Every structure is written in C-alpha cells, then in structure tokens.
mmCIF file of all heavy atoms, coordinates in Angstrom:
data_MODEL
# 
_entry.id   MODEL 
# 
loop_
_atom_site.group_PDB 
_atom_site.id 
_atom_site.type_symbol 
_atom_site.label_atom_id 
_atom_site.label_alt_id 
_atom_site.label_comp_id 
_atom_site.label_asym_id 
_atom_site.label_entity_id 
_atom_site.label_seq_id 
_atom_site.pdbx_PDB_ins_code 
_atom_site.Cartn_x 
_atom_site.Cartn_y 
_atom_site.Cartn_z 
_atom_site.occupancy 
_atom_site.B_iso_or_equiv 
_atom_site.pdbx_formal_charge 
_atom_site.auth_seq_id 
_atom_site.auth_comp_id 
_atom_site.auth_asym_id 
_atom_site.auth_atom_id 
_atom_site.pdbx_PDB_model_num 
ATOM 1   N N   . LEU A 1 1  ? 17.015 18.071 -17.424 1.00 0.00 ? 1  LEU A N   1 
ATOM 2   C CA  . LEU A 1 1  ? 16.936 18.058 -15.958 1.00 0.00 ? 1  LEU A CA  1 
ATOM 3   C C   . LEU A 1 1  ? 15.544 18.448 -15.475 1.00 0.00 ? 1  LEU A C   1 
ATOM 4   O O   . LEU A 1 1  ? 14.988 17.795 -14.584 1.00 0.00 ? 1  LEU A O   1 
ATOM 5   C CB  . LEU A 1 1  ? 17.979 19.004 -15.361 1.00 0.00 ? 1  LEU A CB  1 
ATOM 6   C CG  . LEU A 1 1  ? 19.444 18.633 -15.564 1.00 0.00 ? 1  LEU A CG  1 
ATOM 7   C CD1 . LEU A 1 1  ? 20.334 19.588 -14.781 1.00 0.00 ? 1  LEU A CD1 1 
ATOM 8   C CD2 . LEU A 1 1  ? 19.715 17.197 -15.149 1.00 0.00 ? 1  LEU A CD2 1 
ATOM 9   N N   . THR A 1 2  ? 14.977 19.503 -16.045 1.00 0.00 ? 2  THR A N   1 
ATOM 10  C CA  . THR A 1 2  ? 13.676 19.956 -15.547 1.00 0.00 ? 2  THR A CA  1 
ATOM 11  C C   . THR A 1 2  ? 12.560 18.992 -15.951 1.00 0.00 ? 2  THR A C   1 
ATOM 12  O O   . THR A 1 2  ? 11.607 18.798 -15.189 1.00 0.00 ? 2  THR A O   1 
ATOM 13  C CB  . THR A 1 2  ? 13.361 21.373 -16.048 1.00 0.00 ? 2  THR A CB  1 
ATOM 14  O OG1 . THR A 1 2  ? 13.426 21.413 -17.480 1.00 0.00 ? 2  THR A OG1 1 
ATOM 15  C CG2 . THR A 1 2  ? 14.366 22.380 -15.476 1.00 0.00 ? 2  THR A CG2 1 
ATOM 16  N N   . THR A 1 3  ? 12.667 18.384 -17.141 1.00 0.00 ? 3  THR A N   1 
ATOM 17  C CA  . THR A 1 3  ? 11.653 17.409 -17.542 1.00 0.00 ? 3  THR A CA  1 
ATOM 18  C C   . THR A 1 3  ? 11.746 16.168 -16.680 1.00 0.00 ? 3  THR A C   1 
ATOM 19  O O   . THR A 1 3  ? 10.726 15.603 -16.258 1.00 0.00 ? 3  THR A O   1 
ATOM 20  C CB  . THR A 1 3  ? 11.828 17.044 -19.029 1.00 0.00 ? 3  THR A CB  1 
ATOM 21  O OG1 . THR A 1 3  ? 11.768 18.232 -19.828 1.00 0.00 ? 3  THR A OG1 1 
ATOM 22  C CG2 . THR A 1 3  ? 10.743 16.087 -19.485 1.00 0.00 ? 3  THR A CG2 1 
ATOM 23  N N   . LEU A 1 4  ? 12.973 15.724 -16.398 1.00 0.00 ? 4  LEU A N   1 
ATOM 24  C CA  . LEU A 1 4  ? 13.165 14.582 -15.516 1.00 0.00 ? 4  LEU A CA  1 
ATOM 25  C C   . LEU A 1 4  ? 12.589 14.873 -14.132 1.00 0.00 ? 4  LEU A C   1 
ATOM 26  O O   . LEU A 1 4  ? 11.922 14.019 -13.526 1.00 0.00 ? 4  LEU A O   1 
ATOM 27  C CB  . LEU A 1 4  ? 14.657 14.258 -15.418 1.00 0.00 ? 4  LEU A CB  1 
ATOM 28  C CG  . LEU A 1 4  ? 15.081 13.076 -14.550 1.00 0.00 ? 4  LEU A CG  1 
ATOM 29  C CD1 . LEU A 1 4  ? 14.404 11.796 -15.000 1.00 0.00 ? 4  LEU A CD1 1 
ATOM 30  C CD2 . LEU A 1 4  ? 16.594 12.917 -14.578 1.00 0.00 ? 4  LEU A CD2 1 
ATOM 31  N N   . PHE A 1 5  ? 12.811 16.086 -13.638 1.00 0.00 ? 5  PHE A N   1 
ATOM 32  C CA  . PHE A 1 5  ? 12.242 16.505 -12.352 1.00 0.00 ? 5  PHE A CA  1 
ATOM 33  C C   . PHE A 1 5  ? 10.708 16.414 -12.386 1.00 0.00 ? 5  PHE A C   1 
ATOM 34  O O   . PHE A 1 5  ? 10.076 15.931 -11.436 1.00 0.00 ? 5  PHE A O   1 
ATOM 35  C CB  . PHE A 1 5  ? 12.684 17.931 -12.033 1.00 0.00 ? 5  PHE A CB  1 
ATOM 36  C CG  . PHE A 1 5  ? 11.965 18.572 -10.873 1.00 0.00 ? 5  PHE A CG  1 
ATOM 37  C CD1 . PHE A 1 5  ? 12.373 18.335 -9.573  1.00 0.00 ? 5  PHE A CD1 1 
ATOM 38  C CD2 . PHE A 1 5  ? 10.880 19.412 -11.085 1.00 0.00 ? 5  PHE A CD2 1 
ATOM 39  C CE1 . PHE A 1 5  ? 11.711 18.920 -8.498  1.00 0.00 ? 5  PHE A CE1 1 
ATOM 40  C CE2 . PHE A 1 5  ? 10.214 20.003 -10.030 1.00 0.00 ? 5  PHE A CE2 1 
ATOM 41  C CZ  . PHE A 1 5  ? 10.630 19.756 -8.730  1.00 0.00 ? 5  PHE A CZ  1 
ATOM 42  N N   . SER A 1 6  ? 10.106 16.857 -13.490 1.00 0.00 ? 6  SER A N   1 
ATOM 43  C CA  . SER A 1 6  ? 8.641  16.804 -13.600 1.00 0.00 ? 6  SER A CA  1 
ATOM 44  C C   . SER A 1 6  ? 8.126  15.376 -13.556 1.00 0.00 ? 6  SER A C   1 
ATOM 45  O O   . SER A 1 6  ? 7.121  15.076 -12.895 1.00 0.00 ? 6  SER A O   1 
ATOM 46  C CB  . SER A 1 6  ? 8.192  17.481 -14.903 1.00 0.00 ? 6  SER A CB  1 
ATOM 47  O OG  . SER A 1 6  ? 8.532  18.849 -14.903 1.00 0.00 ? 6  SER A OG  1 
ATOM 48  N N   . PHE A 1 7  ? 8.810  14.467 -14.262 1.00 0.00 ? 7  PHE A N   1 
ATOM 49  C CA  . PHE A 1 7  ? 8.387  13.065 -14.251 1.00 0.00 ? 7  PHE A CA  1 
ATOM 50  C C   . PHE A 1 7  ? 8.551  12.457 -12.863 1.00 0.00 ? 7  PHE A C   1 
ATOM 51  O O   . PHE A 1 7  ? 7.718  11.658 -12.421 1.00 0.00 ? 7  PHE A O   1 
ATOM 52  C CB  . PHE A 1 7  ? 9.190  12.260 -15.277 1.00 0.00 ? 7  PHE A CB  1 
ATOM 53  C CG  . PHE A 1 7  ? 8.855  12.584 -16.707 1.00 0.00 ? 7  PHE A CG  1 
ATOM 54  C CD1 . PHE A 1 7  ? 9.836  12.566 -17.685 1.00 0.00 ? 7  PHE A CD1 1 
ATOM 55  C CD2 . PHE A 1 7  ? 7.563  12.907 -17.080 1.00 0.00 ? 7  PHE A CD2 1 
ATOM 56  C CE1 . PHE A 1 7  ? 9.540  12.852 -19.011 1.00 0.00 ? 7  PHE A CE1 1 
ATOM 57  C CE2 . PHE A 1 7  ? 7.250  13.206 -18.396 1.00 0.00 ? 7  PHE A CE2 1 
ATOM 58  C CZ  . PHE A 1 7  ? 8.242  13.175 -19.365 1.00 0.00 ? 7  PHE A CZ  1 
ATOM 59  N N   . GLU A 1 8  ? 9.623  12.829 -12.176 1.00 0.00 ? 8  GLU A N   1 
ATOM 60  C CA  . GLU A 1 8  ? 9.829  12.312 -10.821 1.00 0.00 ? 8  GLU A CA  1 
ATOM 61  C C   . GLU A 1 8  ? 8.752  12.837 -9.867  1.00 0.00 ? 8  GLU A C   1 
ATOM 62  O O   . GLU A 1 8  ? 8.264  12.105 -8.998  1.00 0.00 ? 8  GLU A O   1 
ATOM 63  C CB  . GLU A 1 8  ? 11.232 12.714 -10.318 1.00 0.00 ? 8  GLU A CB  1 
ATOM 64  C CG  . GLU A 1 8  ? 12.360 11.994 -11.039 1.00 0.00 ? 8  GLU A CG  1 
ATOM 65  C CD  . GLU A 1 8  ? 13.727 12.560 -10.697 1.00 0.00 ? 8  GLU A CD  1 
ATOM 66  O OE1 . GLU A 1 8  ? 13.806 13.748 -10.298 1.00 0.00 ? 8  GLU A OE1 1 
ATOM 67  O OE2 . GLU A 1 8  ? 14.714 11.837 -10.836 1.00 0.00 ? 8  GLU A OE2 1 
ATOM 68  N N   . ARG A 1 9  ? 8.366  14.088 -10.047 1.00 0.00 ? 9  ARG A N   1 
ATOM 69  C CA  . ARG A 1 9  ? 7.371  14.688 -9.146  1.00 0.00 ? 9  ARG A CA  1 
ATOM 70  C C   . ARG A 1 9  ? 5.988  14.077 -9.365  1.00 0.00 ? 9  ARG A C   1 
ATOM 71  O O   . ARG A 1 9  ? 5.175  14.029 -8.430  1.00 0.00 ? 9  ARG A O   1 
ATOM 72  C CB  . ARG A 1 9  ? 7.331  16.200 -9.369  1.00 0.00 ? 9  ARG A CB  1 
ATOM 73  C CG  . ARG A 1 9  ? 6.455  16.932 -8.374  1.00 0.00 ? 9  ARG A CG  1 
ATOM 74  C CD  . ARG A 1 9  ? 6.613  18.421 -8.460  1.00 0.00 ? 9  ARG A CD  1 
ATOM 75  N NE  . ARG A 1 9  ? 6.350  18.916 -9.800  1.00 0.00 ? 9  ARG A NE  1 
ATOM 76  C CZ  . ARG A 1 9  ? 6.385  20.204 -10.128 1.00 0.00 ? 9  ARG A CZ  1 
ATOM 77  N NH1 . ARG A 1 9  ? 6.694  21.113 -9.214  1.00 0.00 ? 9  ARG A NH1 1 
ATOM 78  N NH2 . ARG A 1 9  ? 6.145  20.596 -11.369 1.00 0.00 ? 9  ARG A NH2 1 
ATOM 79  N N   . GLU A 1 10 ? 5.710  13.608 -10.592 1.00 0.00 ? 10 GLU A N   1 
ATOM 80  C CA  . GLU A 1 10 ? 4.401  12.998 -10.864 1.00 0.00 ? 10 GLU A CA  1 
ATOM 81  C C   . GLU A 1 10 ? 4.118  11.816 -9.941  1.00 0.00 ? 10 GLU A C   1 
ATOM 82  O O   . GLU A 1 10 ? 2.966  11.523 -9.629  1.00 0.00 ? 10 GLU A O   1 
ATOM 83  C CB  . GLU A 1 10 ? 4.345  12.506 -12.317 1.00 0.00 ? 10 GLU A CB  1 
ATOM 84  C CG  . GLU A 1 10 ? 4.173  13.609 -13.337 1.00 0.00 ? 10 GLU A CG  1 
ATOM 85  C CD  . GLU A 1 10 ? 4.127  13.058 -14.754 1.00 0.00 ? 10 GLU A CD  1 
ATOM 86  O OE1 . GLU A 1 10 ? 4.301  11.834 -14.921 1.00 0.00 ? 10 GLU A OE1 1 
ATOM 87  O OE2 . GLU A 1 10 ? 3.927  13.852 -15.692 1.00 0.00 ? 10 GLU A OE2 1 
ATOM 88  N N   . GLY A 1 11 ? 5.176  11.126 -9.530  1.00 0.00 ? 11 GLY A N   1 
ATOM 89  C CA  . GLY A 1 11 ? 4.987  9.926  -8.719  1.00 0.00 ? 11 GLY A CA  1 
ATOM 90  C C   . GLY A 1 11 ? 4.891  10.177 -7.231  1.00 0.00 ? 11 GLY A C   1 
ATOM 91  O O   . GLY A 1 11 ? 4.727  9.219  -6.450  1.00 0.00 ? 11 GLY A O   1 
ATOM 92  N N   . LEU A 1 12 ? 4.999  11.427 -6.795  1.00 0.00 ? 12 LEU A N   1 
ATOM 93  C CA  . LEU A 1 12 ? 4.937  11.718 -5.362  1.00 0.00 ? 12 LEU A CA  1 
ATOM 94  C C   . LEU A 1 12 ? 3.512  11.560 -4.838  1.00 0.00 ? 12 LEU A C   1 
ATOM 95  O O   . LEU A 1 12 ? 2.555  12.025 -5.461  1.00 0.00 ? 12 LEU A O   1 
ATOM 96  C CB  . LEU A 1 12 ? 5.415  13.146 -5.077  1.00 0.00 ? 12 LEU A CB  1 
ATOM 97  C CG  . LEU A 1 12 ? 6.888  13.458 -5.344  1.00 0.00 ? 12 LEU A CG  1 
ATOM 98  C CD1 . LEU A 1 12 ? 7.220  14.860 -4.859  1.00 0.00 ? 12 LEU A CD1 1 
ATOM 99  C CD2 . LEU A 1 12 ? 7.804  12.445 -4.672  1.00 0.00 ? 12 LEU A CD2 1 
ATOM 100 N N   . ALA A 1 13 ? 3.399  10.921 -3.698  1.00 0.00 ? 13 ALA A N   1 
ATOM 101 C CA  . ALA A 1 13 ? 2.085  10.757 -3.067  1.00 0.00 ? 13 ALA A CA  1 
ATOM 102 C C   . ALA A 1 13 ? 2.283  10.559 -1.581  1.00 0.00 ? 13 ALA A C   1 
ATOM 103 O O   . ALA A 1 13 ? 3.171  9.824  -1.145  1.00 0.00 ? 13 ALA A O   1 
ATOM 104 C CB  . ALA A 1 13 ? 1.335  9.568  -3.668  1.00 0.00 ? 13 ALA A CB  1 
ATOM 105 N N   . ALA A 1 14 ? 1.490  11.253 -0.776  1.00 0.00 ? 14 ALA A N   1 
ATOM 106 C CA  . ALA A 1 14 ? 1.538  11.106 0.676   1.00 0.00 ? 14 ALA A CA  1 
ATOM 107 C C   . ALA A 1 14 ? 0.262  11.688 1.266   1.00 0.00 ? 14 ALA A C   1 
ATOM 108 O O   . ALA A 1 14 ? -0.327 12.634 0.707   1.00 0.00 ? 14 ALA A O   1 
ATOM 109 C CB  . ALA A 1 14 ? 2.767  11.806 1.264   1.00 0.00 ? 14 ALA A CB  1 
ATOM 110 N N   . GLU A 1 15 ? -0.178 11.155 2.378   1.00 0.00 ? 15 GLU A N   1 
ATOM 111 C CA  . GLU A 1 15 ? -1.402 11.637 3.011   1.00 0.00 ? 15 GLU A CA  1 
ATOM 112 C C   . GLU A 1 15 ? -1.138 12.835 3.917   1.00 0.00 ? 15 GLU A C   1 
ATOM 113 O O   . GLU A 1 15 ? -2.035 13.646 4.134   1.00 0.00 ? 15 GLU A O   1 
ATOM 114 C CB  . GLU A 1 15 ? -2.042 10.506 3.809   1.00 0.00 ? 15 GLU A CB  1 
ATOM 115 C CG  . GLU A 1 15 ? -2.552 9.362  2.933   1.00 0.00 ? 15 GLU A CG  1 
ATOM 116 C CD  . GLU A 1 15 ? -3.257 8.298  3.734   1.00 0.00 ? 15 GLU A CD  1 
ATOM 117 O OE1 . GLU A 1 15 ? -3.353 8.466  4.977   1.00 0.00 ? 15 GLU A OE1 1 
ATOM 118 O OE2 . GLU A 1 15 ? -3.719 7.305  3.137   1.00 0.00 ? 15 GLU A OE2 1 
ATOM 119 N N   . ARG A 1 16 ? 0.069  12.961 4.423   1.00 0.00 ? 16 ARG A N   1 
ATOM 120 C CA  . ARG A 1 16 ? 0.380  14.046 5.362   1.00 0.00 ? 16 ARG A CA  1 
ATOM 121 C C   . ARG A 1 16 ? 1.190  15.129 4.656   1.00 0.00 ? 16 ARG A C   1 
ATOM 122 O O   . ARG A 1 16 ? 2.110  14.830 3.876   1.00 0.00 ? 16 ARG A O   1 
ATOM 123 C CB  . ARG A 1 16 ? 1.152  13.509 6.568   1.00 0.00 ? 16 ARG A CB  1 
ATOM 124 C CG  . ARG A 1 16 ? 0.351  12.485 7.373   1.00 0.00 ? 16 ARG A CG  1 
ATOM 125 C CD  . ARG A 1 16 ? 1.168  11.961 8.552   1.00 0.00 ? 16 ARG A CD  1 
ATOM 126 N NE  . ARG A 1 16 ? 1.475  13.027 9.497   1.00 0.00 ? 16 ARG A NE  1 
ATOM 127 C CZ  . ARG A 1 16 ? 0.672  13.431 10.466  1.00 0.00 ? 16 ARG A CZ  1 
ATOM 128 N NH1 . ARG A 1 16 ? -0.525 12.858 10.606  1.00 0.00 ? 16 ARG A NH1 1 
ATOM 129 N NH2 . ARG A 1 16 ? 1.022  14.382 11.292  1.00 0.00 ? 16 ARG A NH2 1 
ATOM 130 N N   . VAL A 1 17 ? 0.864  16.400 4.942   1.00 0.00 ? 17 VAL A N   1 
ATOM 131 C CA  . VAL A 1 17 ? 1.510  17.526 4.280   1.00 0.00 ? 17 VAL A CA  1 
ATOM 132 C C   . VAL A 1 17 ? 3.018  17.511 4.514   1.00 0.00 ? 17 VAL A C   1 
ATOM 133 O O   . VAL A 1 17 ? 3.808  17.723 3.586   1.00 0.00 ? 17 VAL A O   1 
ATOM 134 C CB  . VAL A 1 17 ? 0.908  18.853 4.770   1.00 0.00 ? 17 VAL A CB  1 
ATOM 135 C CG1 . VAL A 1 17 ? 1.711  20.043 4.246   1.00 0.00 ? 17 VAL A CG1 1 
ATOM 136 C CG2 . VAL A 1 17 ? -0.540 18.966 4.328   1.00 0.00 ? 17 VAL A CG2 1 
ATOM 137 N N   . GLU A 1 18 ? 3.437  17.247 5.755   1.00 0.00 ? 18 GLU A N   1 
ATOM 138 C CA  . GLU A 1 18 ? 4.866  17.307 6.058   1.00 0.00 ? 18 GLU A CA  1 
ATOM 139 C C   . GLU A 1 18 ? 5.654  16.235 5.307   1.00 0.00 ? 18 GLU A C   1 
ATOM 140 O O   . GLU A 1 18 ? 6.804  16.449 4.910   1.00 0.00 ? 18 GLU A O   1 
ATOM 141 C CB  . GLU A 1 18 ? 5.114  17.190 7.567   1.00 0.00 ? 18 GLU A CB  1 
ATOM 142 C CG  . GLU A 1 18 ? 4.610  15.914 8.219   1.00 0.00 ? 18 GLU A CG  1 
ATOM 143 C CD  . GLU A 1 18 ? 3.196  16.042 8.759   1.00 0.00 ? 18 GLU A CD  1 
ATOM 144 O OE1 . GLU A 1 18 ? 2.421  16.868 8.221   1.00 0.00 ? 18 GLU A OE1 1 
ATOM 145 O OE2 . GLU A 1 18 ? 2.879  15.315 9.720   1.00 0.00 ? 18 GLU A OE2 1 
ATOM 146 N N   . VAL A 1 19 ? 5.014  15.090 5.087   1.00 0.00 ? 19 VAL A N   1 
ATOM 147 C CA  . VAL A 1 19 ? 5.699  14.027 4.338   1.00 0.00 ? 19 VAL A CA  1 
ATOM 148 C C   . VAL A 1 19 ? 5.842  14.415 2.868   1.00 0.00 ? 19 VAL A C   1 
ATOM 149 O O   . VAL A 1 19 ? 6.915  14.281 2.261   1.00 0.00 ? 19 VAL A O   1 
ATOM 150 C CB  . VAL A 1 19 ? 4.936  12.690 4.476   1.00 0.00 ? 19 VAL A CB  1 
ATOM 151 C CG1 . VAL A 1 19 ? 5.585  11.613 3.600   1.00 0.00 ? 19 VAL A CG1 1 
ATOM 152 C CG2 . VAL A 1 19 ? 4.910  12.249 5.930   1.00 0.00 ? 19 VAL A CG2 1 
ATOM 153 N N   . LEU A 1 20 ? 4.749  14.931 2.283   1.00 0.00 ? 20 LEU A N   1 
ATOM 154 C CA  . LEU A 1 20 ? 4.798  15.347 0.887   1.00 0.00 ? 20 LEU A CA  1 
ATOM 155 C C   . LEU A 1 20 ? 5.797  16.484 0.688   1.00 0.00 ? 20 LEU A C   1 
ATOM 156 O O   . LEU A 1 20 ? 6.548  16.507 -0.293  1.00 0.00 ? 20 LEU A O   1 
ATOM 157 C CB  . LEU A 1 20 ? 3.404  15.778 0.425   1.00 0.00 ? 20 LEU A CB  1 
ATOM 158 C CG  . LEU A 1 20 ? 3.259  16.126 -1.062  1.00 0.00 ? 20 LEU A CG  1 
ATOM 159 C CD1 . LEU A 1 20 ? 3.628  14.943 -1.933  1.00 0.00 ? 20 LEU A CD1 1 
ATOM 160 C CD2 . LEU A 1 20 ? 1.835  16.595 -1.357  1.00 0.00 ? 20 LEU A CD2 1 
ATOM 161 N N   . ALA A 1 21 ? 5.821  17.428 1.630   1.00 0.00 ? 21 ALA A N   1 
ATOM 162 C CA  . ALA A 1 21 ? 6.774  18.535 1.542   1.00 0.00 ? 21 ALA A CA  1 
ATOM 163 C C   . ALA A 1 21 ? 8.204  18.036 1.644   1.00 0.00 ? 21 ALA A C   1 
ATOM 164 O O   . ALA A 1 21 ? 9.102  18.516 0.940   1.00 0.00 ? 21 ALA A O   1 
ATOM 165 C CB  . ALA A 1 21 ? 6.484  19.567 2.641   1.00 0.00 ? 21 ALA A CB  1 
ATOM 166 N N   . GLY A 1 22 ? 8.439  17.055 2.502   1.00 0.00 ? 22 GLY A N   1 
ATOM 167 C CA  . GLY A 1 22 ? 9.782  16.488 2.624   1.00 0.00 ? 22 GLY A CA  1 
ATOM 168 C C   . GLY A 1 22 ? 10.224 15.801 1.343   1.00 0.00 ? 22 GLY A C   1 
ATOM 169 O O   . GLY A 1 22 ? 11.385 15.934 0.915   1.00 0.00 ? 22 GLY A O   1 
ATOM 170 N N   . LEU A 1 23 ? 9.317  15.064 0.719   1.00 0.00 ? 23 LEU A N   1 
ATOM 171 C CA  . LEU A 1 23 ? 9.638  14.424 -0.554  1.00 0.00 ? 23 LEU A CA  1 
ATOM 172 C C   . LEU A 1 23 ? 9.921  15.460 -1.636  1.00 0.00 ? 23 LEU A C   1 
ATOM 173 O O   . LEU A 1 23 ? 10.843 15.302 -2.453  1.00 0.00 ? 23 LEU A O   1 
ATOM 174 C CB  . LEU A 1 23 ? 8.486  13.518 -0.987  1.00 0.00 ? 23 LEU A CB  1 
ATOM 175 C CG  . LEU A 1 23 ? 8.200  12.293 -0.106  1.00 0.00 ? 23 LEU A CG  1 
ATOM 176 C CD1 . LEU A 1 23 ? 6.909  11.607 -0.547  1.00 0.00 ? 23 LEU A CD1 1 
ATOM 177 C CD2 . LEU A 1 23 ? 9.372  11.310 -0.166  1.00 0.00 ? 23 LEU A CD2 1 
ATOM 178 N N   . THR A 1 24 ? 9.137  16.535 -1.646  1.00 0.00 ? 24 THR A N   1 
ATOM 179 C CA  . THR A 1 24 ? 9.350  17.610 -2.618  1.00 0.00 ? 24 THR A CA  1 
ATOM 180 C C   . THR A 1 24 ? 10.702 18.273 -2.409  1.00 0.00 ? 24 THR A C   1 
ATOM 181 O O   . THR A 1 24 ? 11.420 18.579 -3.369  1.00 0.00 ? 24 THR A O   1 
ATOM 182 C CB  . THR A 1 24 ? 8.222  18.652 -2.507  1.00 0.00 ? 24 THR A CB  1 
ATOM 183 O OG1 . THR A 1 24 ? 6.960  18.002 -2.727  1.00 0.00 ? 24 THR A OG1 1 
ATOM 184 C CG2 . THR A 1 24 ? 8.403  19.774 -3.519  1.00 0.00 ? 24 THR A CG2 1 
ATOM 185 N N   . ALA A 1 25 ? 11.064 18.492 -1.151  1.00 0.00 ? 25 ALA A N   1 
ATOM 186 C CA  . ALA A 1 25 ? 12.382 19.065 -0.851  1.00 0.00 ? 25 ALA A CA  1 
ATOM 187 C C   . ALA A 1 25 ? 13.493 18.167 -1.383  1.00 0.00 ? 25 ALA A C   1 
ATOM 188 O O   . ALA A 1 25 ? 14.492 18.653 -1.936  1.00 0.00 ? 25 ALA A O   1 
ATOM 189 C CB  . ALA A 1 25 ? 12.534 19.269 0.658   1.00 0.00 ? 25 ALA A CB  1 
ATOM 190 N N   . GLY A 1 26 ? 13.318 16.868 -1.241  1.00 0.00 ? 26 GLY A N   1 
ATOM 191 C CA  . GLY A 1 26 ? 14.318 15.936 -1.738  1.00 0.00 ? 26 GLY A CA  1 
ATOM 192 C C   . GLY A 1 26 ? 14.492 16.003 -3.244  1.00 0.00 ? 26 GLY A C   1 
ATOM 193 O O   . GLY A 1 26 ? 15.615 15.942 -3.755  1.00 0.00 ? 26 GLY A O   1 
ATOM 194 N N   . LEU A 1 27 ? 13.378 16.159 -3.969  1.00 0.00 ? 27 LEU A N   1 
ATOM 195 C CA  . LEU A 1 27 ? 13.468 16.279 -5.421  1.00 0.00 ? 27 LEU A CA  1 
ATOM 196 C C   . LEU A 1 27 ? 14.179 17.563 -5.832  1.00 0.00 ? 27 LEU A C   1 
ATOM 197 O O   . LEU A 1 27 ? 14.980 17.571 -6.773  1.00 0.00 ? 27 LEU A O   1 
ATOM 198 C CB  . LEU A 1 27 ? 12.082 16.227 -6.046  1.00 0.00 ? 27 LEU A CB  1 
ATOM 199 C CG  . LEU A 1 27 ? 11.364 14.874 -6.033  1.00 0.00 ? 27 LEU A CG  1 
ATOM 200 C CD1 . LEU A 1 27 ? 10.064 14.961 -6.832  1.00 0.00 ? 27 LEU A CD1 1 
ATOM 201 C CD2 . LEU A 1 27 ? 12.250 13.771 -6.604  1.00 0.00 ? 27 LEU A CD2 1 
# 
C-alpha cells in the first residue's frame, strides 16, 4: 500500500498550491 502510494504521488503535478494539496489529500 505505501509503495503504491509513493508511485501514485510521483505523478502529481500542478502549478497552484491548492490544486496540488487537493490532489495530495485525495491520495
């Protein structure tokens, strides 16, 4: 689970902090 989470987080990208934080919350 934690390794899968790490691989999923590698693909996160956003220009705005609130968008990136929202994606992180979703993960």
